C-alpha atoms as a PDB file:
ATOM      1  CA  GLN A   1     108.627 201.115 132.531  1.00  0.00           C
ATOM      2  CA  VAL A   2     109.792 204.142 134.508  1.00  0.00           C
ATOM      3  CA  GLN A   3     107.578 207.057 135.465  1.00  0.00           C
ATOM      4  CA  LEU A   4     109.193 210.360 136.394  1.00  0.00           C
ATOM      5  CA  VAL A   5     107.671 213.244 138.323  1.00  0.00           C
ATOM      6  CA  GLU A   6     109.519 216.539 138.726  1.00  0.00           C
ATOM      7  CA  SER A   7     108.969 219.089 141.468  1.00  0.00           C
ATOM      8  CA  GLY A   8     110.652 222.130 142.954  1.00  0.00           C
ATOM      9  CA  GLY A   9     110.279 224.649 140.179  1.00  0.00           C
ATOM     10  CA  GLY A  10     109.093 228.195 140.780  1.00  0.00           C
ATOM     11  CA  LEU A  11     109.840 231.872 140.536  1.00  0.00           C
ATOM     12  CA  VAL A  12     113.120 233.168 141.940  1.00  0.00           C
ATOM     13  CA  GLN A  13     115.140 236.348 141.648  1.00  0.00           C
ATOM     14  CA  ALA A  14     118.451 236.410 139.829  1.00  0.00           C
ATOM     15  CA  GLY A  15     121.201 235.150 142.104  1.00  0.00           C
ATOM     16  CA  GLY A  16     118.828 232.907 143.989  1.00  0.00           C
ATOM     17  CA  SER A  17     118.669 229.120 144.276  1.00  0.00           C
ATOM     18  CA  LEU A  18     116.235 226.315 143.583  1.00  0.00           C
ATOM     19  CA  ARG A  19     116.422 222.568 144.050  1.00  0.00           C
ATOM     20  CA  LEU A  20     114.597 220.391 141.573  1.00  0.00           C
ATOM     21  CA  SER A  21     113.647 216.837 142.439  1.00  0.00           C
ATOM     22  CA  CYS A  22     112.625 213.991 140.180  1.00  0.00           C
ATOM     23  CA  ALA A  23     110.952 210.992 141.760  1.00  0.00           C
ATOM     24  CA  ALA A  24     111.008 207.776 139.758  1.00  0.00           C
ATOM     25  CA  SER A  25     108.817 204.721 139.951  1.00  0.00           C
ATOM     26  CA  GLY A  26     110.055 201.209 139.276  1.00  0.00           C
ATOM     27  CA  ARG A  27     112.675 198.944 140.771  1.00  0.00           C
ATOM     28  CA  THR A  28     115.283 199.534 138.065  1.00  0.00           C
ATOM     29  CA  PHE A  29     115.939 203.232 138.728  1.00  0.00           C
ATOM     30  CA  SER A  30     119.498 202.549 139.845  1.00  0.00           C
ATOM     31  CA  THR A  31     120.370 201.065 136.445  1.00  0.00           C
ATOM     32  CA  TYR A  32     119.558 204.217 134.458  1.00  0.00           C
ATOM     33  CA  THR A  33     121.616 207.229 133.542  1.00  0.00           C
ATOM     34  CA  MET A  34     119.563 210.219 134.658  1.00  0.00           C
ATOM     35  CA  GLY A  35     119.545 213.578 132.976  1.00  0.00           C
ATOM     36  CA  TRP A  36     118.066 217.053 133.223  1.00  0.00           C
ATOM     37  CA  PHE A  37     117.095 218.994 130.138  1.00  0.00           C
ATOM     38  CA  ARG A  38     115.435 222.376 129.704  1.00  0.00           C
ATOM     39  CA  GLN A  39     113.432 224.129 127.052  1.00  0.00           C
ATOM     40  CA  ALA A  40     112.830 227.851 126.863  1.00  0.00           C
ATOM     41  CA  PRO A  41     110.028 229.330 124.736  1.00  0.00           C
ATOM     42  CA  GLY A  42     110.939 229.280 121.077  1.00  0.00           C
ATOM     43  CA  LYS A  43     114.120 227.301 121.680  1.00  0.00           C
ATOM     44  CA  GLU A  44     115.140 223.683 121.273  1.00  0.00           C
ATOM     45  CA  ARG A  45     115.390 221.315 124.202  1.00  0.00           C
ATOM     46  CA  GLU A  46     118.847 221.652 125.754  1.00  0.00           C
ATOM     47  CA  PHE A  47     120.939 219.215 127.776  1.00  0.00           C
ATOM     48  CA  VAL A  48     121.713 220.542 131.257  1.00  0.00           C
ATOM     49  CA  ALA A  49     123.269 217.727 133.298  1.00  0.00           C
ATOM     50  CA  ALA A  50     123.557 213.960 133.554  1.00  0.00           C
ATOM     51  CA  ILE A  51     124.617 211.482 136.219  1.00  0.00           C
ATOM     52  CA  SER A  52     125.663 207.865 135.869  1.00  0.00           C
ATOM     53  CA  TRP A  53     123.725 205.030 137.458  1.00  0.00           C
ATOM     54  CA  SER A  54     126.130 204.887 140.412  1.00  0.00           C
ATOM     55  CA  GLY A  55     126.454 208.633 140.799  1.00  0.00           C
ATOM     56  CA  ALA A  56     130.194 208.427 140.226  1.00  0.00           C
ATOM     57  CA  TYR A  57     130.165 210.393 136.988  1.00  0.00           C
ATOM     58  CA  THR A  58     128.467 213.669 136.116  1.00  0.00           C
ATOM     59  CA  ASN A  59     128.401 215.915 133.078  1.00  0.00           C
ATOM     60  CA  TYR A  60     127.161 219.484 132.611  1.00  0.00           C
ATOM     61  CA  VAL A  61     126.578 221.932 129.827  1.00  0.00           C
ATOM     62  CA  ASP A  62     129.193 224.682 130.011  1.00  0.00           C
ATOM     63  CA  SER A  63     126.688 227.406 130.851  1.00  0.00           C
ATOM     64  CA  VAL A  64     125.779 225.814 134.207  1.00  0.00           C
ATOM     65  CA  LYS A  65     129.145 224.461 135.329  1.00  0.00           C
ATOM     66  CA  GLY A  66     130.013 225.734 138.784  1.00  0.00           C
ATOM     67  CA  ARG A  67     126.410 226.770 139.454  1.00  0.00           C
ATOM     68  CA  PHE A  68     124.336 223.573 139.116  1.00  0.00           C
ATOM     69  CA  THR A  69     124.903 220.219 140.783  1.00  0.00           C
ATOM     70  CA  ILE A  70     123.201 216.962 139.826  1.00  0.00           C
ATOM     71  CA  SER A  71     122.964 214.167 142.379  1.00  0.00           C
ATOM     72  CA  ARG A  72     120.930 211.036 142.981  1.00  0.00           C
ATOM     73  CA  ASP A  73     119.743 208.878 145.841  1.00  0.00           C
ATOM     74  CA  ASN A  74     119.088 205.390 144.518  1.00  0.00           C
ATOM     75  CA  ALA A  75     117.554 204.301 147.816  1.00  0.00           C
ATOM     76  CA  LYS A  76     114.883 206.975 147.330  1.00  0.00           C
ATOM     77  CA  ASN A  77     114.595 206.603 143.547  1.00  0.00           C
ATOM     78  CA  THR A  78     115.222 210.323 143.233  1.00  0.00           C
ATOM     79  CA  VAL A  79     117.522 212.574 141.246  1.00  0.00           C
ATOM     80  CA  TYR A  80     118.150 216.196 142.154  1.00  0.00           C
ATOM     81  CA  LEU A  81     119.330 219.352 140.444  1.00  0.00           C
ATOM     82  CA  GLN A  82     120.642 222.005 142.818  1.00  0.00           C
ATOM     83  CA  MET A  83     120.670 225.326 140.987  1.00  0.00           C
ATOM     84  CA  ASN A  84     122.589 228.245 142.499  1.00  0.00           C
ATOM     85  CA  SER A  85     123.401 231.733 141.218  1.00  0.00           C
ATOM     86  CA  LEU A  86     120.437 231.558 138.888  1.00  0.00           C
ATOM     87  CA  LYS A  87     120.298 233.864 135.891  1.00  0.00           C
ATOM     88  CA  PRO A  88     117.337 235.054 133.799  1.00  0.00           C
ATOM     89  CA  GLU A  89     118.658 232.935 130.929  1.00  0.00           C
ATOM     90  CA  ASP A  90     118.076 229.832 133.061  1.00  0.00           C
ATOM     91  CA  THR A  91     114.327 230.417 132.698  1.00  0.00           C
ATOM     92  CA  ALA A  92     112.800 227.340 131.066  1.00  0.00           C
ATOM     93  CA  VAL A  93     110.749 224.234 131.628  1.00  0.00           C
ATOM     94  CA  TYR A  94     113.066 221.660 133.187  1.00  0.00           C
ATOM     95  CA  TYR A  95     112.626 217.983 132.358  1.00  0.00           C
ATOM     96  CA  CYS A  96     113.979 214.920 134.076  1.00  0.00           C
ATOM     97  CA  ALA A  97     114.796 211.913 131.871  1.00  0.00           C
ATOM     98  CA  ALA A  98     116.078 208.352 132.180  1.00  0.00           C
ATOM     99  CA  SER A  99     118.329 206.566 129.725  1.00  0.00           C
ATOM    100  CA  ARG A 100     119.610 203.028 129.360  1.00  0.00           C
ATOM    101  CA  ALA A 101     122.672 204.461 127.604  1.00  0.00           C
ATOM    102  CA  ALA A 102     125.793 205.408 129.477  1.00  0.00           C
ATOM    103  CA  MET A 103     126.199 209.124 130.240  1.00  0.00           C
ATOM    104  CA  THR A 104     124.581 210.481 127.128  1.00  0.00           C
ATOM    105  CA  ILE A 105     123.849 214.160 126.496  1.00  0.00           C
ATOM    106  CA  HIS A 106     121.582 213.498 123.516  1.00  0.00           C
ATOM    107  CA  TRP A 107     117.869 213.850 124.273  1.00  0.00           C
ATOM    108  CA  GLY A 108     117.041 211.189 121.689  1.00  0.00           C
ATOM    109  CA  SER A 109     118.903 208.617 123.781  1.00  0.00           C
ATOM    110  CA  TYR A 110     116.611 209.070 126.754  1.00  0.00           C
ATOM    111  CA  ASP A 111     113.800 206.558 127.089  1.00  0.00           C
ATOM    112  CA  TYR A 112     111.540 208.105 129.716  1.00  0.00           C
ATOM    113  CA  TRP A 113     110.588 211.702 130.455  1.00  0.00           C
ATOM    114  CA  GLY A 114     108.801 213.604 133.174  1.00  0.00           C
ATOM    115  CA  GLN A 115     106.153 216.215 132.542  1.00  0.00           C
ATOM    116  CA  GLY A 116     108.452 219.139 133.303  1.00  0.00           C
ATOM    117  CA  THR A 117     108.573 221.857 135.932  1.00  0.00           C
ATOM    118  CA  GLN A 118     108.732 225.594 135.232  1.00  0.00           C
ATOM    119  CA  VAL A 119     111.677 227.621 136.472  1.00  0.00           C
ATOM    120  CA  THR A 120     111.425 231.376 136.102  1.00  0.00           C
ATOM    121  CA  VAL A 121     114.284 233.685 137.074  1.00  0.00           C
ATOM    122  CA  SER A 122     113.471 237.386 137.295  1.00  0.00           C
ATOM    123  CA  SER A 123     116.082 240.077 136.793  1.00  0.00           C
END
């Protein structure tokens, strides 16, 4: 069992930055692929980024490439999402998730989810 708790969301102006954190419980954190997803009102949940268990591999949706960076610290059981050059279209609830699968972008392949943190980008 893995419990995930996100933090770091908030209100920011376009062009600004935020850093999301996701703290995980359990001793097996380092064996999971970790991902970030987001869901805007009236839209489906969308893959944002994923990182392999070792941190050696990352994957991003095209719309955030070059602006967002996913990283993890297995010693702290934490995964991060650094978001720079934020745009109003990045406004959504951001969810952290853990998967036993290798580097998957499909939300159905993730086994554990956090409660989400709101990110709002004003224009």
